[in-house]
Amino acid sequence: MLTLLSTSLFAQIENPVTWFSMSRKKSDKVYEVVLSASLKKPWHIYSQHTADGGPLPTKITFAANPLIQLAGQAVENGSLETIHDEGFNVEVKYFADKVEFVQTVKMKGNVRTNVKGKVEYMVCNDGKCLPPAKYPFDIKIQ
């Protein structure tokens, strides 16, 4: 009975987002940290720049690392859509299908290190929203 119950509970958990993370070298001591989200249709994930009073905007937090310096804020690459959401009664910005969040980092020396952090995000479709979720990342920079 307990096995049947736990299987039933796991079957109810929806996860329409697949995350992938990597780094790529841009120049001497300059790298990009890439956080890619692929979404199942008809789900969408919100921009970092969604209006207050609306759904939870995507938020990227980086753990402190004395060996790197973040350059600016993460840039969003994807097909951004802006709509007036009747449920929240605000303009919202979101990505469907896929999006990349790209953060430039500068190394403070010739060392190898990792960039750690988390992405907090919320996904919705036309009928419902899932509770906010977190994607922890640990990306090797070399």
N, C-alpha and C. Protein backbone atom coordinates (compact mmCIF):
# COMPACT_ATOMS: atom_id res chain seq x y z
N MET A 1 0.83 -1.19 0.00
CA MET A 1 0.00 0.00 0.00
C MET A 1 0.88 1.26 0.00
N LEU A 2 1.93 1.27 0.83
CA LEU A 2 2.83 2.42 0.90
C LEU A 2 3.52 2.66 -0.44
N THR A 3 3.94 1.60 -1.12
CA THR A 3 4.59 1.74 -2.42
C THR A 3 3.63 2.33 -3.43
N LEU A 4 2.40 1.88 -3.43
CA LEU A 4 1.39 2.41 -4.35
C LEU A 4 1.14 3.89 -4.10
N LEU A 5 1.08 4.29 -2.84
CA LEU A 5 0.87 5.69 -2.48
C LEU A 5 2.04 6.56 -2.94
N SER A 6 3.27 6.12 -2.69
CA SER A 6 4.43 6.93 -3.09
C SER A 6 4.54 7.02 -4.61
N THR A 7 4.22 5.96 -5.34
CA THR A 7 4.22 6.01 -6.79
C THR A 7 3.17 6.99 -7.29
N SER A 8 2.02 6.99 -6.66
CA SER A 8 0.94 7.90 -7.04
C SER A 8 1.34 9.35 -6.81
N LEU A 9 2.02 9.63 -5.70
CA LEU A 9 2.44 11.00 -5.40
C LEU A 9 3.48 11.49 -6.41
N PHE A 10 4.45 10.63 -6.76
CA PHE A 10 5.47 11.03 -7.72
C PHE A 10 4.87 11.26 -9.10
N ALA A 11 3.86 10.51 -9.45
CA ALA A 11 3.22 10.66 -10.76
C ALA A 11 2.52 12.01 -10.89
N GLN A 12 2.15 12.63 -9.77
CA GLN A 12 1.43 13.89 -9.80
C GLN A 12 2.35 15.10 -9.94
N ILE A 13 3.63 14.94 -9.73
CA ILE A 13 4.57 16.05 -9.80
C ILE A 13 4.86 16.37 -11.27
N GLU A 14 4.56 17.59 -11.67
CA GLU A 14 4.82 18.03 -13.04
C GLU A 14 6.15 18.77 -13.08
N ASN A 15 6.93 18.51 -14.11
CA ASN A 15 8.19 19.20 -14.30
C ASN A 15 8.36 19.49 -15.79
N PRO A 16 7.78 20.57 -16.28
CA PRO A 16 7.83 20.86 -17.71
C PRO A 16 9.12 21.55 -18.16
N VAL A 17 10.10 21.73 -17.26
CA VAL A 17 11.33 22.44 -17.62
C VAL A 17 12.52 21.49 -17.49
N THR A 18 13.36 21.48 -18.53
CA THR A 18 14.62 20.76 -18.50
C THR A 18 15.73 21.80 -18.54
N TRP A 19 16.64 21.74 -17.57
CA TRP A 19 17.73 22.71 -17.47
C TRP A 19 19.04 22.08 -17.95
N PHE A 20 19.89 22.92 -18.54
CA PHE A 20 21.23 22.54 -18.95
C PHE A 20 22.13 23.74 -18.66
N SER A 21 23.31 23.49 -18.11
CA SER A 21 24.22 24.60 -17.81
C SER A 21 25.63 24.28 -18.29
N MET A 22 26.35 25.33 -18.68
CA MET A 22 27.71 25.17 -19.19
C MET A 22 28.43 26.52 -19.13
N SER A 23 29.72 26.49 -19.39
CA SER A 23 30.49 27.73 -19.54
C SER A 23 31.17 27.71 -20.89
N ARG A 24 31.42 28.90 -21.42
CA ARG A 24 32.18 28.99 -22.66
C ARG A 24 33.13 30.18 -22.55
N LYS A 25 34.35 29.97 -23.04
CA LYS A 25 35.38 31.00 -22.97
C LYS A 25 35.15 32.03 -24.07
N LYS A 26 35.19 33.31 -23.70
CA LYS A 26 35.02 34.40 -24.66
C LYS A 26 36.36 35.04 -25.02
N SER A 27 37.22 35.19 -24.03
CA SER A 27 38.55 35.75 -24.25
C SER A 27 39.38 35.42 -23.01
N ASP A 28 40.60 35.94 -22.97
CA ASP A 28 41.47 35.67 -21.83
C ASP A 28 40.79 36.11 -20.53
N LYS A 29 40.53 35.18 -19.65
CA LYS A 29 39.93 35.41 -18.33
C LYS A 29 38.47 35.87 -18.36
N VAL A 30 37.81 35.79 -19.52
CA VAL A 30 36.40 36.16 -19.62
C VAL A 30 35.61 34.95 -20.13
N TYR A 31 34.58 34.59 -19.37
CA TYR A 31 33.74 33.43 -19.70
C TYR A 31 32.28 33.83 -19.65
N GLU A 32 31.46 33.03 -20.30
CA GLU A 32 30.02 33.15 -20.17
C GLU A 32 29.49 31.91 -19.46
N VAL A 33 28.66 32.13 -18.48
CA VAL A 33 27.94 31.06 -17.81
C VAL A 33 26.56 31.01 -18.47
N VAL A 34 26.20 29.86 -19.04
CA VAL A 34 24.96 29.72 -19.78
C VAL A 34 24.03 28.77 -19.04
N LEU A 35 22.84 29.27 -18.74
CA LEU A 35 21.79 28.49 -18.08
C LEU A 35 20.64 28.39 -19.07
N SER A 36 20.43 27.21 -19.64
CA SER A 36 19.43 27.01 -20.68
C SER A 36 18.23 26.25 -20.14
N ALA A 37 17.06 26.75 -20.44
CA ALA A 37 15.81 26.09 -20.06
C ALA A 37 15.05 25.71 -21.32
N SER A 38 14.65 24.44 -21.40
CA SER A 38 13.76 23.96 -22.47
C SER A 38 12.43 23.62 -21.83
N LEU A 39 11.35 24.09 -22.43
CA LEU A 39 10.03 23.91 -21.85
C LEU A 39 9.14 23.06 -22.74
N LYS A 40 8.36 22.20 -22.11
CA LYS A 40 7.37 21.42 -22.84
C LYS A 40 6.22 22.36 -23.21
N LYS A 41 5.64 22.13 -24.36
CA LYS A 41 4.46 22.93 -24.76
C LYS A 41 3.29 22.51 -23.89
N PRO A 42 2.46 23.38 -23.43
CA PRO A 42 2.29 24.81 -23.70
C PRO A 42 2.85 25.69 -22.57
N TRP A 43 3.85 25.22 -21.84
CA TRP A 43 4.38 25.95 -20.67
C TRP A 43 5.25 27.12 -21.09
N HIS A 44 5.35 28.12 -20.20
CA HIS A 44 6.26 29.24 -20.39
C HIS A 44 6.88 29.63 -19.05
N ILE A 45 8.06 30.24 -19.15
CA ILE A 45 8.83 30.69 -17.97
C ILE A 45 8.95 32.21 -18.05
N TYR A 46 8.93 32.85 -16.93
CA TYR A 46 8.89 34.31 -16.91
C TYR A 46 10.27 34.95 -16.98
N SER A 47 10.32 36.11 -17.58
CA SER A 47 11.52 36.91 -17.71
C SER A 47 11.97 37.39 -16.33
N GLN A 48 13.22 37.78 -16.26
CA GLN A 48 13.75 38.42 -15.05
C GLN A 48 13.12 39.80 -14.85
N HIS A 49 12.50 40.31 -15.90
CA HIS A 49 12.01 41.68 -15.91
C HIS A 49 10.49 41.76 -15.97
N THR A 50 9.81 40.79 -15.38
CA THR A 50 8.36 40.80 -15.32
C THR A 50 7.90 41.82 -14.28
N ALA A 51 6.79 42.49 -14.56
CA ALA A 51 6.29 43.58 -13.71
C ALA A 51 5.93 43.10 -12.31
N ASP A 52 6.09 44.00 -11.35
CA ASP A 52 5.65 43.74 -9.98
C ASP A 52 4.15 43.50 -9.98
N GLY A 53 3.71 42.61 -9.10
CA GLY A 53 2.29 42.30 -9.00
C GLY A 53 1.88 41.15 -9.90
N GLY A 54 2.83 40.67 -10.70
CA GLY A 54 2.55 39.56 -11.60
C GLY A 54 3.15 38.27 -11.07
N PRO A 55 3.40 37.33 -11.96
CA PRO A 55 4.01 36.07 -11.56
C PRO A 55 5.45 36.29 -11.10
N LEU A 56 6.00 35.31 -10.44
CA LEU A 56 7.38 35.38 -9.94
C LEU A 56 8.34 35.48 -11.12
N PRO A 57 9.11 36.57 -11.20
CA PRO A 57 10.11 36.66 -12.27
C PRO A 57 11.25 35.67 -12.00
N THR A 58 11.92 35.26 -13.06
CA THR A 58 13.08 34.40 -12.90
C THR A 58 14.17 35.20 -12.18
N LYS A 59 14.79 34.56 -11.20
CA LYS A 59 15.84 35.23 -10.42
C LYS A 59 17.05 34.30 -10.36
N ILE A 60 18.21 34.83 -10.76
CA ILE A 60 19.45 34.06 -10.74
C ILE A 60 20.33 34.60 -9.62
N THR A 61 20.74 33.71 -8.74
CA THR A 61 21.59 34.09 -7.62
C THR A 61 22.90 33.33 -7.73
N PHE A 62 24.01 34.04 -7.63
CA PHE A 62 25.33 33.42 -7.69
C PHE A 62 25.95 33.41 -6.30
N ALA A 63 26.54 32.26 -5.94
CA ALA A 63 27.24 32.15 -4.66
C ALA A 63 28.52 32.99 -4.72
N ALA A 64 28.90 33.53 -3.60
CA ALA A 64 30.12 34.34 -3.53
C ALA A 64 31.32 33.48 -3.92
N ASN A 65 32.19 34.04 -4.75
CA ASN A 65 33.42 33.36 -5.16
C ASN A 65 34.48 34.44 -5.35
N PRO A 66 35.52 34.46 -4.50
CA PRO A 66 36.54 35.51 -4.59
C PRO A 66 37.40 35.42 -5.85
N LEU A 67 37.27 34.35 -6.64
CA LEU A 67 38.10 34.18 -7.83
C LEU A 67 37.47 34.74 -9.10
N ILE A 68 36.20 35.17 -8.99
CA ILE A 68 35.52 35.70 -10.18
C ILE A 68 34.82 37.02 -9.87
N GLN A 69 34.52 37.73 -10.93
CA GLN A 69 33.74 38.96 -10.82
C GLN A 69 32.63 38.88 -11.87
N LEU A 70 31.41 39.11 -11.44
CA LEU A 70 30.29 39.13 -12.38
C LEU A 70 30.32 40.44 -13.16
N ALA A 71 30.10 40.36 -14.46
CA ALA A 71 30.10 41.56 -15.30
C ALA A 71 28.65 41.85 -15.70
N GLY A 72 28.05 42.83 -15.05
CA GLY A 72 26.67 43.18 -15.36
C GLY A 72 25.70 42.13 -14.86
N GLN A 73 24.53 42.08 -15.49
CA GLN A 73 23.49 41.12 -15.13
C GLN A 73 23.34 40.09 -16.24
N ALA A 74 22.69 38.99 -15.92
CA ALA A 74 22.45 37.95 -16.91
C ALA A 74 21.57 38.49 -18.04
N VAL A 75 21.94 38.15 -19.26
CA VAL A 75 21.20 38.53 -20.46
C VAL A 75 20.30 37.37 -20.85
N GLU A 76 19.11 37.68 -21.32
CA GLU A 76 18.15 36.67 -21.75
C GLU A 76 18.21 36.54 -23.27
N ASN A 77 18.37 35.31 -23.76
CA ASN A 77 18.36 35.04 -25.20
C ASN A 77 17.22 34.08 -25.49
N GLY A 78 16.27 34.54 -26.25
CA GLY A 78 15.11 33.72 -26.60
C GLY A 78 14.05 34.59 -27.22
N SER A 79 12.94 33.99 -27.55
CA SER A 79 11.83 34.72 -28.16
C SER A 79 10.92 35.26 -27.06
N LEU A 80 11.17 36.50 -26.66
CA LEU A 80 10.43 37.14 -25.57
C LEU A 80 9.04 37.54 -26.04
N GLU A 81 8.03 37.17 -25.26
CA GLU A 81 6.66 37.55 -25.55
C GLU A 81 6.16 38.43 -24.40
N THR A 82 5.42 39.46 -24.75
CA THR A 82 4.83 40.36 -23.76
C THR A 82 3.32 40.36 -23.98
N ILE A 83 2.58 40.08 -22.90
CA ILE A 83 1.12 40.08 -22.99
C ILE A 83 0.54 40.74 -21.74
N HIS A 84 -0.72 41.13 -21.84
CA HIS A 84 -1.43 41.56 -20.64
C HIS A 84 -2.09 40.32 -20.07
N ASP A 85 -1.68 39.92 -18.88
CA ASP A 85 -2.21 38.73 -18.24
C ASP A 85 -3.44 39.11 -17.42
N GLU A 86 -4.59 38.59 -17.81
CA GLU A 86 -5.85 38.91 -17.12
C GLU A 86 -5.85 38.40 -15.68
N GLY A 87 -5.21 37.26 -15.45
CA GLY A 87 -5.18 36.69 -14.10
C GLY A 87 -4.44 37.57 -13.10
N PHE A 88 -3.33 38.16 -13.55
CA PHE A 88 -2.54 39.04 -12.68
C PHE A 88 -2.88 40.51 -12.91
N ASN A 89 -3.53 40.83 -14.03
CA ASN A 89 -3.88 42.19 -14.42
C ASN A 89 -2.66 43.10 -14.56
N VAL A 90 -1.59 42.54 -15.14
CA VAL A 90 -0.37 43.31 -15.43
C VAL A 90 0.23 42.80 -16.74
N GLU A 91 1.14 43.58 -17.30
CA GLU A 91 1.90 43.14 -18.46
C GLU A 91 2.96 42.16 -17.97
N VAL A 92 3.04 41.00 -18.60
CA VAL A 92 4.05 40.01 -18.23
C VAL A 92 4.92 39.68 -19.43
N LYS A 93 6.15 39.33 -19.14
CA LYS A 93 7.11 38.95 -20.18
C LYS A 93 7.52 37.51 -19.92
N TYR A 94 7.47 36.69 -20.97
CA TYR A 94 7.82 35.29 -20.77
C TYR A 94 8.43 34.69 -22.03
N PHE A 95 8.99 33.49 -21.85
CA PHE A 95 9.58 32.72 -22.93
C PHE A 95 8.88 31.37 -22.99
N ALA A 96 8.51 30.94 -24.18
CA ALA A 96 7.97 29.60 -24.39
C ALA A 96 9.03 28.82 -25.17
N ASP A 97 9.00 27.54 -25.11
CA ASP A 97 9.89 26.64 -25.83
C ASP A 97 11.28 26.60 -25.22
N LYS A 98 12.04 27.73 -25.29
CA LYS A 98 13.39 27.71 -24.71
C LYS A 98 13.88 29.14 -24.45
N VAL A 99 14.85 29.23 -23.54
CA VAL A 99 15.50 30.50 -23.24
C VAL A 99 16.88 30.20 -22.64
N GLU A 100 17.82 31.10 -22.90
CA GLU A 100 19.14 31.04 -22.29
C GLU A 100 19.33 32.28 -21.44
N PHE A 101 19.84 32.08 -20.24
CA PHE A 101 20.25 33.18 -19.38
C PHE A 101 21.78 33.13 -19.38
N VAL A 102 22.42 34.22 -19.83
CA VAL A 102 23.87 34.23 -20.02
C VAL A 102 24.48 35.30 -19.14
N GLN A 103 25.38 34.87 -18.26
CA GLN A 103 26.07 35.78 -17.35
C GLN A 103 27.56 35.79 -17.69
N THR A 104 28.12 36.98 -17.96
CA THR A 104 29.55 37.10 -18.20
C THR A 104 30.28 37.17 -16.86
N VAL A 105 31.36 36.40 -16.76
CA VAL A 105 32.19 36.41 -15.55
C VAL A 105 33.65 36.65 -15.95
N LYS A 106 34.34 37.39 -15.11
CA LYS A 106 35.75 37.67 -15.33
C LYS A 106 36.55 36.99 -14.23
N MET A 107 37.57 36.25 -14.65
CA MET A 107 38.45 35.56 -13.71
C MET A 107 39.44 36.57 -13.13
N LYS A 108 39.76 36.43 -11.85
CA LYS A 108 40.71 37.33 -11.21
C LYS A 108 42.13 36.81 -11.26
N GLY A 109 42.32 35.67 -11.88
CA GLY A 109 43.65 35.08 -12.01
C GLY A 109 43.59 33.89 -12.95
N ASN A 110 44.73 33.24 -13.12
CA ASN A 110 44.79 32.05 -13.97
C ASN A 110 44.55 30.81 -13.13
N VAL A 111 43.33 30.63 -12.71
CA VAL A 111 42.97 29.50 -11.85
C VAL A 111 41.72 28.82 -12.41
N ARG A 112 41.47 27.63 -11.91
CA ARG A 112 40.24 26.93 -12.24
C ARG A 112 39.31 27.02 -11.05
N THR A 113 38.06 27.23 -11.34
CA THR A 113 37.09 27.34 -10.26
C THR A 113 35.72 26.94 -10.78
N ASN A 114 34.75 26.95 -9.91
CA ASN A 114 33.36 26.68 -10.29
C ASN A 114 32.51 27.88 -9.94
N VAL A 115 31.47 28.07 -10.73
CA VAL A 115 30.47 29.09 -10.44
C VAL A 115 29.24 28.34 -9.96
N LYS A 116 28.80 28.67 -8.76
CA LYS A 116 27.65 28.00 -8.16
C LYS A 116 26.54 29.01 -7.93
N GLY A 117 25.34 28.49 -7.88
CA GLY A 117 24.20 29.35 -7.61
C GLY A 117 22.90 28.61 -7.82
N LYS A 118 21.84 29.40 -8.01
CA LYS A 118 20.53 28.80 -8.26
C LYS A 118 19.69 29.73 -9.10
N VAL A 119 18.78 29.12 -9.84
CA VAL A 119 17.78 29.85 -10.60
C VAL A 119 16.45 29.58 -9.91
N GLU A 120 15.76 30.64 -9.53
CA GLU A 120 14.40 30.51 -8.98
C GLU A 120 13.45 30.96 -10.09
N TYR A 121 12.46 30.13 -10.36
CA TYR A 121 11.60 30.41 -11.50
C TYR A 121 10.18 29.88 -11.27
N MET A 122 9.28 30.34 -12.14
CA MET A 122 7.90 29.89 -12.09
C MET A 122 7.45 29.64 -13.52
N VAL A 123 6.69 28.58 -13.72
CA VAL A 123 6.16 28.28 -15.04
C VAL A 123 4.64 28.21 -14.99
N CYS A 124 4.03 28.62 -16.09
CA CYS A 124 2.58 28.58 -16.21
C CYS A 124 2.22 28.12 -17.61
N ASN A 125 0.97 27.70 -17.76
CA ASN A 125 0.39 27.50 -19.08
C ASN A 125 -0.91 28.30 -19.09
N ASP A 126 -1.75 28.11 -20.06
CA ASP A 126 -2.97 28.91 -20.13
C ASP A 126 -3.98 28.57 -19.05
N GLY A 127 -3.79 27.42 -18.38
CA GLY A 127 -4.76 27.01 -17.38
C GLY A 127 -4.30 27.07 -15.94
N LYS A 128 -2.98 27.01 -15.71
CA LYS A 128 -2.49 26.99 -14.33
C LYS A 128 -1.02 27.36 -14.26
N CYS A 129 -0.60 27.66 -13.03
CA CYS A 129 0.80 27.91 -12.73
C CYS A 129 1.26 26.85 -11.73
N LEU A 130 2.51 26.46 -11.85
CA LEU A 130 3.10 25.55 -10.87
C LEU A 130 3.76 26.38 -9.78
N PRO A 131 3.92 25.81 -8.58
CA PRO A 131 4.61 26.54 -7.52
C PRO A 131 6.04 26.90 -7.96
N PRO A 132 6.59 27.97 -7.42
CA PRO A 132 7.98 28.33 -7.76
C PRO A 132 8.92 27.15 -7.50
N ALA A 133 9.94 27.05 -8.35
CA ALA A 133 10.91 25.97 -8.26
C ALA A 133 12.32 26.55 -8.29
N LYS A 134 13.30 25.71 -7.95
CA LYS A 134 14.71 26.13 -7.95
C LYS A 134 15.54 25.14 -8.75
N TYR A 135 16.48 25.67 -9.50
CA TYR A 135 17.45 24.86 -10.23
C TYR A 135 18.83 25.25 -9.71
N PRO A 136 19.48 24.37 -8.90
CA PRO A 136 20.84 24.67 -8.44
C PRO A 136 21.83 24.34 -9.54
N PHE A 137 22.87 25.13 -9.68
CA PHE A 137 23.90 24.85 -10.68
C PHE A 137 25.29 24.96 -10.09
N ASP A 138 26.21 24.23 -10.67
CA ASP A 138 27.62 24.19 -10.27
C ASP A 138 28.40 23.97 -11.57
N ILE A 139 28.95 25.04 -12.11
CA ILE A 139 29.54 25.02 -13.45
C ILE A 139 31.05 25.24 -13.37
N LYS A 140 31.79 24.34 -14.00
CA LYS A 140 33.25 24.43 -14.02
C LYS A 140 33.69 25.52 -14.99
N ILE A 141 34.59 26.39 -14.51
CA ILE A 141 35.18 27.44 -15.34
C ILE A 141 36.67 27.11 -15.45
N GLN A 142 37.16 26.94 -16.69
CA GLN A 142 38.59 26.63 -16.85
C GLN A 142 39.13 27.13 -18.14
